Protein backbone atom coordinates (compact mmCIF):
# COMPACT_ATOMS: atom_id res chain seq x y z
CA MET A 1 8.13 31.04 14.50
CA ALA A 2 9.33 27.67 15.43
CA LYS A 3 11.79 25.79 13.49
CA ILE A 4 11.58 21.97 13.64
CA ILE A 5 13.20 18.97 11.88
CA GLY A 6 11.10 16.34 10.31
CA ARG A 7 11.78 13.52 13.05
CA ARG A 8 9.11 15.82 15.12
CA VAL A 9 6.03 15.32 12.65
CA LYS A 10 3.77 12.99 13.55
CA LEU A 11 1.07 11.01 11.11
CA GLY A 12 -2.48 10.50 12.17
CA VAL A 13 -4.56 7.66 10.53
CA ALA A 14 -8.28 6.65 10.85
CA MET A 15 -10.94 4.90 8.94
CA GLU A 16 -13.68 7.17 7.90
CA SER A 17 -17.48 6.10 8.89
CA SER A 18 -18.96 8.25 6.03
CA ARG A 19 -16.57 9.28 2.84
CA GLY A 20 -14.95 12.67 3.28
CA VAL A 21 -16.38 13.26 6.73
CA GLY A 22 -12.90 13.58 8.56
CA VAL A 23 -12.36 12.02 11.89
CA ALA A 24 -9.87 12.00 14.64
CA PRO A 25 -6.38 9.84 14.44
CA ALA A 26 -6.95 6.68 16.02
CA MET A 27 -3.35 5.71 15.77
CA ALA A 28 0.06 7.31 14.58
CA ILE A 29 1.97 5.96 11.29
CA PRO A 30 5.85 6.13 12.00
CA PHE A 31 7.33 7.28 8.51
CA ALA A 32 10.38 7.51 6.90
CA GLY A 33 9.27 9.67 4.12
CA LEU A 34 6.38 12.09 3.55
CA THR A 35 5.26 13.90 0.38
CA LEU A 36 1.64 14.58 0.92
CA MET A 37 1.06 18.18 0.16
CA PRO A 38 -1.88 20.59 -1.25
CA LYS A 39 -1.87 20.87 -5.05
CA VAL A 40 -3.99 22.78 -7.50
CA ASP A 41 -5.13 22.96 -10.98
CA SER A 42 -4.86 26.39 -12.39
CA ILE A 43 -5.90 28.31 -15.47
CA LEU A 44 -3.71 30.77 -16.90
CA VAL A 45 -5.76 33.51 -18.75
CA GLU A 46 -4.00 34.24 -22.07
CA ASN A 47 -5.48 37.24 -24.08
CA ALA A 48 -4.20 39.79 -26.47
CA LEU A 49 -4.21 42.94 -24.17
CA GLY A 50 -1.92 45.22 -26.58
CA GLN A 51 0.91 43.93 -24.35
CA ILE A 52 3.70 41.74 -25.37
CA ALA A 53 3.16 40.19 -21.85
CA ASP A 54 2.14 36.24 -21.66
CA THR A 55 -0.34 36.47 -19.36
CA GLU A 56 -2.99 38.21 -17.90
CA ASP A 57 -3.82 36.34 -14.65
CA ARG A 58 -3.68 32.63 -13.13
CA LEU A 59 -7.15 31.15 -11.68
CA ILE A 60 -7.62 28.26 -9.39
CA GLU A 61 -9.74 25.58 -10.91
CA GLU A 62 -9.40 22.83 -7.80
CA LYS A 63 -7.67 22.04 -5.12
CA TYR A 64 -6.75 18.74 -3.61
CA ALA A 65 -3.76 16.96 -1.95
CA GLU A 66 -1.32 14.15 -3.31
CA GLY A 67 1.60 12.33 -2.22
CA GLU A 68 3.29 9.19 -0.72
CA ILE A 69 3.96 8.02 2.98
CA GLU A 70 6.98 5.69 3.18
CA ALA A 71 7.20 3.74 6.13
CA PRO A 72 8.49 0.30 7.50
CA LEU A 73 5.70 -2.22 7.58
CA ARG A 74 4.46 -2.21 11.21
CA ASP A 75 1.69 -4.98 12.59
CA GLN A 76 -1.06 -2.69 13.66
CA THR A 77 -1.12 0.51 11.84
CA PHE A 78 -0.55 -1.43 8.65
CA ALA A 79 -4.04 -2.31 8.83
CA TYR A 80 -5.27 1.13 7.89
CA ILE A 81 -3.27 0.92 4.76
CA LEU A 82 -4.91 -2.54 4.17
CA ALA A 83 -8.45 -1.18 4.55
CA SER A 84 -7.98 1.57 2.26
CA LEU A 85 -5.97 -0.78 -0.50
CA ILE A 86 -8.77 -3.95 -0.36
CA GLY A 87 -11.61 -1.49 0.23
CA ALA A 88 -13.35 -2.42 3.45
CA SER A 89 -12.80 -2.83 7.06
CA PRO A 90 -11.70 -5.96 8.30
CA SER A 91 -13.63 -8.80 10.06
CA SER A 92 -11.61 -9.61 13.21
CA SER A 93 -11.56 -12.60 15.27
CA GLY A 94 -9.23 -14.11 18.26
CA SER A 95 -8.46 -13.73 21.84
CA SER A 96 -5.98 -13.82 24.55
CA GLY A 97 -3.98 -10.83 22.85
CA GLU A 98 -3.72 -12.25 19.39
CA PHE A 99 -6.43 -11.58 16.84
CA VAL A 100 -6.52 -11.79 12.98
CA HIS A 101 -7.93 -9.56 10.77
CA ASP A 102 -9.28 -10.64 7.43
CA PHE A 103 -9.51 -8.22 4.35
CA THR A 104 -11.78 -9.01 1.61
CA LEU A 105 -11.40 -7.23 -1.86
CA ALA A 106 -14.44 -4.99 -2.31
CA ASN A 107 -15.42 -5.31 -6.10
CA THR A 108 -16.66 -1.43 -5.85
CA ASN A 109 -15.24 2.05 -7.05
CA GLN A 110 -15.54 3.70 -3.74
CA HIS A 111 -12.95 1.65 -1.41
CA LYS A 112 -12.86 2.30 2.36
CA SER A 113 -11.43 6.01 2.45
CA LEU A 114 -9.16 7.47 5.10
CA THR A 115 -8.66 10.67 7.57
CA LEU A 116 -4.78 11.17 7.23
CA THR A 117 -3.72 14.19 9.86
CA VAL A 118 -0.16 15.74 9.72
CA ILE A 119 0.84 17.17 12.66
CA ASP A 120 4.08 19.12 12.06
CA GLY A 121 4.58 21.57 15.18
CA ILE A 122 3.77 24.76 12.80
CA GLN A 123 0.33 23.39 12.25
CA SER A 124 -2.31 20.18 12.51
CA GLU A 125 -3.61 19.70 8.85
CA MET A 126 -6.38 17.30 8.44
CA LEU A 127 -6.66 15.18 4.85
CA LYS A 128 -10.15 14.01 4.56
CA LEU A 129 -11.50 11.24 1.90
CA ALA A 130 -7.54 9.97 1.64
CA MET A 131 -7.43 7.16 -1.28
CA ILE A 132 -4.78 4.91 -1.99
CA ASN A 133 -3.64 5.27 -5.59
CA SER A 134 -0.71 2.64 -5.38
CA LEU A 135 0.97 0.38 -2.67
CA GLU A 136 4.60 -0.99 -3.12
CA ILE A 137 5.65 -3.53 -0.70
CA THR A 138 9.37 -4.32 -0.56
CA ALA A 139 11.78 -6.67 1.21
CA GLU A 140 15.67 -6.78 0.85
CA LEU A 141 18.55 -8.06 2.60
CA GLY A 142 19.95 -5.78 5.09
CA GLY A 143 16.75 -3.42 5.86
CA LEU A 144 13.37 -3.74 7.20
CA VAL A 145 10.35 -4.73 5.15
CA LYS A 146 8.88 -1.29 4.05
CA TYR A 147 5.91 0.02 2.08
CA THR A 148 5.15 3.01 0.00
CA ALA A 149 1.64 4.17 -0.16
CA GLY A 150 0.46 6.99 -2.62
CA PHE A 151 -2.71 8.92 -1.85
CA ILE A 152 -4.90 11.16 -3.16
CA SER A 153 -7.18 13.38 -0.93
CA LYS A 154 -8.89 16.32 -0.42
CA VAL A 155 -7.13 19.22 0.20
CA GLY A 156 -6.27 20.03 4.22
CA VAL A 157 -7.44 21.92 6.09
CA ASN A 158 -6.60 23.10 9.81
CA THR A 159 -7.59 20.84 13.02
CA THR A 160 -6.63 20.37 16.52
CA ALA A 161 -5.76 16.56 16.35
CA THR A 162 -3.17 15.13 18.15
CA ALA A 163 -1.64 11.63 17.55
CA THR A 164 0.65 9.32 19.36
CA PRO A 165 3.00 6.59 18.26
CA SER A 166 2.18 3.17 19.74
CA VAL A 167 4.27 0.04 20.28
CA GLU A 168 4.24 -2.31 17.11
CA ASN A 169 6.11 -5.12 15.55
CA LEU A 170 8.54 -4.83 12.95
CA PHE A 171 9.51 -7.35 10.05
CA THR A 172 12.91 -8.09 8.71
CA LYS A 173 13.99 -10.14 5.68
CA LYS A 174 14.03 -13.39 8.02
CA GLY A 175 10.54 -13.51 8.55
CA VAL A 176 9.92 -13.24 4.73
CA GLN A 177 8.55 -16.48 3.09
CA VAL A 178 7.18 -17.01 -0.50
CA LYS A 179 5.70 -19.89 -1.73
CA ILE A 180 4.63 -21.07 -5.20
CA ALA A 181 2.56 -24.32 -5.93
CA ALA A 182 0.18 -25.49 -8.84
CA ASN A 183 -2.97 -24.62 -6.77
CA LEU A 184 -4.17 -22.54 -3.39
CA ALA A 185 -4.66 -26.10 -2.21
CA GLY A 186 -0.92 -26.91 -2.57
CA LEU A 187 0.68 -24.07 -0.83
CA ASP A 188 0.72 -25.32 2.20
CA ALA A 189 3.20 -28.36 1.21
CA ALA A 190 5.23 -26.26 -0.96
CA SER A 191 8.65 -25.06 -0.28
CA VAL A 192 9.68 -21.41 0.60
CA LEU A 193 11.58 -19.81 -2.23
CA GLU A 194 15.22 -18.99 -1.40
CA LEU A 195 14.93 -15.25 -2.24
CA LYS A 196 17.09 -12.08 -2.37
CA SER A 197 14.27 -9.63 -2.60
CA LEU A 198 10.49 -9.20 -2.89
CA THR A 199 8.61 -6.42 -4.63
CA LEU A 200 4.72 -6.42 -4.44
CA THR A 201 2.93 -3.36 -6.51
CA ILE A 202 -0.82 -2.95 -6.43
CA ASN A 203 -2.01 -0.01 -8.63
CA LYS A 204 -5.86 1.15 -8.09
CA ASN A 205 -5.53 3.90 -10.92
CA ALA A 206 -7.56 6.19 -8.46
CA GLU A 207 -8.79 9.58 -10.00
CA ARG A 208 -10.29 12.89 -8.49
CA ASP A 209 -14.28 13.29 -9.25
CA SER A 210 -14.33 16.79 -10.32
CA VAL A 211 -17.41 18.46 -11.35
CA LEU A 212 -18.83 22.14 -12.14
CA GLY A 213 -19.56 24.16 -8.82
CA SER A 214 -16.91 22.78 -6.68
CA GLU A 215 -13.54 24.16 -5.87
CA GLU A 216 -12.34 20.56 -4.56
CA PRO A 217 -13.23 17.31 -6.03
CA ILE A 218 -16.58 15.65 -4.57
CA ASP A 219 -15.15 12.12 -4.56
CA VAL A 220 -11.81 10.05 -5.28
CA LEU A 221 -12.58 6.93 -7.14
CA ASN A 222 -10.54 3.55 -7.36
CA LYS A 223 -10.74 2.07 -11.05
CA GLN A 224 -9.27 -0.92 -12.42
CA PHE A 225 -7.17 -3.37 -9.99
CA SER A 226 -4.06 -4.47 -11.05
CA VAL A 227 -1.29 -6.81 -8.64
CA GLU A 228 2.19 -7.68 -9.76
CA GLY A 229 5.87 -8.06 -8.41
CA SER A 230 9.21 -9.38 -8.86
CA LEU A 231 11.14 -12.05 -7.09
CA ASN A 232 15.20 -12.13 -7.29
CA LEU A 233 16.81 -15.37 -6.24
CA THR A 234 19.75 -17.40 -7.28
CA LEU A 235 20.11 -18.99 -10.83
CA GLU A 236 20.18 -22.63 -10.26
CA SER A 237 17.61 -23.83 -12.98
CA GLN A 238 15.53 -23.19 -15.69
CA ALA A 239 12.28 -23.88 -13.78
CA TYR A 240 11.28 -19.89 -13.68
CA ARG A 241 12.41 -19.12 -17.26
CA ASN A 242 10.17 -22.19 -18.41
CA TYR A 243 7.31 -20.66 -16.40
CA MET A 244 7.65 -17.95 -18.76
CA LEU A 245 7.84 -19.60 -21.94
CA ASP A 246 5.16 -22.24 -21.21
CA ASN A 247 2.74 -19.21 -19.85
CA SER A 248 2.44 -21.34 -16.58
CA LYS A 249 -0.26 -20.25 -14.25
CA LYS A 250 0.62 -20.84 -10.42
CA ALA A 251 -0.87 -19.75 -7.25
CA MET A 252 1.74 -17.87 -4.92
CA ARG A 253 1.46 -17.20 -1.11
CA ILE A 254 3.49 -14.14 0.47
CA ASP A 255 3.98 -14.38 4.20
CA ILE A 256 5.83 -11.76 6.06
CA ILE A 257 6.47 -12.70 9.95
CA ASN A 258 7.98 -11.38 13.10
CA PRO A 259 9.33 -14.84 14.35
CA ASP A 260 10.79 -13.17 17.70
CA VAL A 261 7.53 -12.20 18.94
CA SER A 262 4.79 -14.46 20.10
CA LEU A 263 1.26 -12.88 20.69
CA ASN A 264 -0.12 -16.01 22.11
CA THR A 265 0.63 -19.04 20.14
CA ASN A 266 1.45 -17.41 16.96
CA ASN A 267 3.82 -14.67 15.44
CA PRO A 268 2.61 -11.28 14.28
CA ARG A 269 2.24 -11.90 10.46
CA LEU A 270 0.79 -10.45 7.12
CA ARG A 271 -0.35 -13.20 4.88
CA ILE A 272 -1.53 -12.50 0.95
CA GLU A 273 -2.47 -15.33 -1.49
CA LEU A 274 -2.71 -14.62 -5.08
CA PRO A 275 -4.79 -17.85 -6.98
CA ARG A 276 -3.64 -16.97 -10.40
CA VAL A 277 -0.17 -15.56 -11.43
CA SER A 278 1.92 -15.65 -14.67
CA PHE A 279 5.24 -15.19 -15.21
CA ASP A 280 5.96 -12.53 -17.91
CA GLY A 281 9.58 -11.58 -17.13
CA PHE A 282 12.88 -13.58 -17.03
CA GLU A 283 15.98 -11.74 -16.57
CA PRO A 284 19.16 -13.72 -15.81
CA ASP A 285 22.24 -11.54 -13.85
CA ARG A 286 25.58 -13.20 -14.77
CA SER A 287 27.93 -10.56 -13.42
CA LEU A 288 31.72 -12.36 -13.83
CA GLU A 289 32.58 -11.99 -10.23
CA ASP A 290 29.12 -12.74 -8.78
CA ILE A 291 26.93 -16.10 -8.32
CA MET A 292 24.35 -15.79 -10.85
CA LYS A 293 21.14 -14.35 -9.81
CA GLN A 294 17.58 -14.01 -11.73
CA THR A 295 14.63 -11.61 -11.44
CA ILE A 296 11.24 -13.08 -12.23
CA ASN A 297 8.50 -10.64 -12.91
CA PHE A 298 4.93 -11.87 -11.95
CA LYS A 299 1.40 -10.61 -12.50
CA ALA A 300 -1.83 -11.87 -10.57
CA HIS A 301 -5.07 -12.39 -12.28
CA TYR A 302 -8.60 -13.07 -11.63
CA ASP A 303 -9.51 -16.81 -11.37
CA LEU A 304 -12.45 -16.94 -13.51
CA THR A 305 -12.57 -20.90 -13.38
CA ASN A 306 -12.84 -21.10 -9.60
CA SER A 307 -14.54 -17.55 -9.28
CA GLN A 308 -11.72 -16.52 -7.19
CA ASP A 309 -10.53 -12.92 -6.48
CA ILE A 310 -7.22 -11.39 -7.64
CA ILE A 311 -6.45 -11.62 -4.08
CA THR A 312 -8.04 -14.36 -2.21
CA THR A 313 -6.61 -14.10 0.97
CA CYS A 314 -5.16 -10.29 2.83
CA SER A 315 -4.76 -11.20 6.50
CA LEU A 316 -3.05 -9.30 9.41
CA ARG A 317 -2.19 -11.10 12.27
CA ASN A 318 -1.45 -8.67 15.55
CA GLY A 319 -2.69 -7.85 18.97
CA LYS A 320 -5.24 -5.17 18.33
CA THR A 321 -8.60 -6.43 19.26
CA SER A 322 -10.43 -4.82 16.18
CA TYR A 323 -10.55 -1.75 13.78
């Protein structure tokens, strides 16, 4: 049998038109780590049989797949991650090689599902009804902006599908811009924070919908939707400490831009805006030999006063016409 290294594995992705109905890959996601794997819930049969052996048998109750994709954030394939995260296909607009894809948070418990296809040279395996459970975006000094997406899906089935990676734009620390203002209207004029690192974590608390009479889940449902993260920057004032102590609420904008590429008149960009953010953690770092730094933890909320979603803006600008 063939022996291969992990670099030869390809991961295909596509949005499903009907939940759980697999489709061939629309694009390939170049990844740095892949732990998607089949899993089972099983039952050990433990009865008194006149023997000292502890079990008689093991029976499989349910089969499914679960794991993570770790990858650098790319300006086209990340749209598939966003569709599953936010819950719906984007509305797309633009022309002349520059398009903006706007994602609106779906207030439902059956968000957009994906088909993920793992092609490793030994077999091609299609994982239907793939739903995001969690997403973490990280930006640090000395590396690419990357993400880790956790998925739950039906167990994989054999397929003959193929996937070919496309040329895409990547993002580094020089294009990461975070702004904080009193409200959304003030974000344009706000100053860009001088950050050392950024972490944004979104949890959807997905769970398998298991029923009697089926060996696999009939659905994967997303539940409560939470957004939180942390900022690390030089400690130069007590502003963020006071945000925590005063229970201040602010609006936040996160832009991840590739400033070296011009699509037409603008650069590739991911933009996320949070209308109501509180700060529930302040950790100063006063190491003796280093410039003092601070880490601030934040949590986003639904803005009841203005009827604004926990994420009001989620848009991706790239050269792909539509999804």
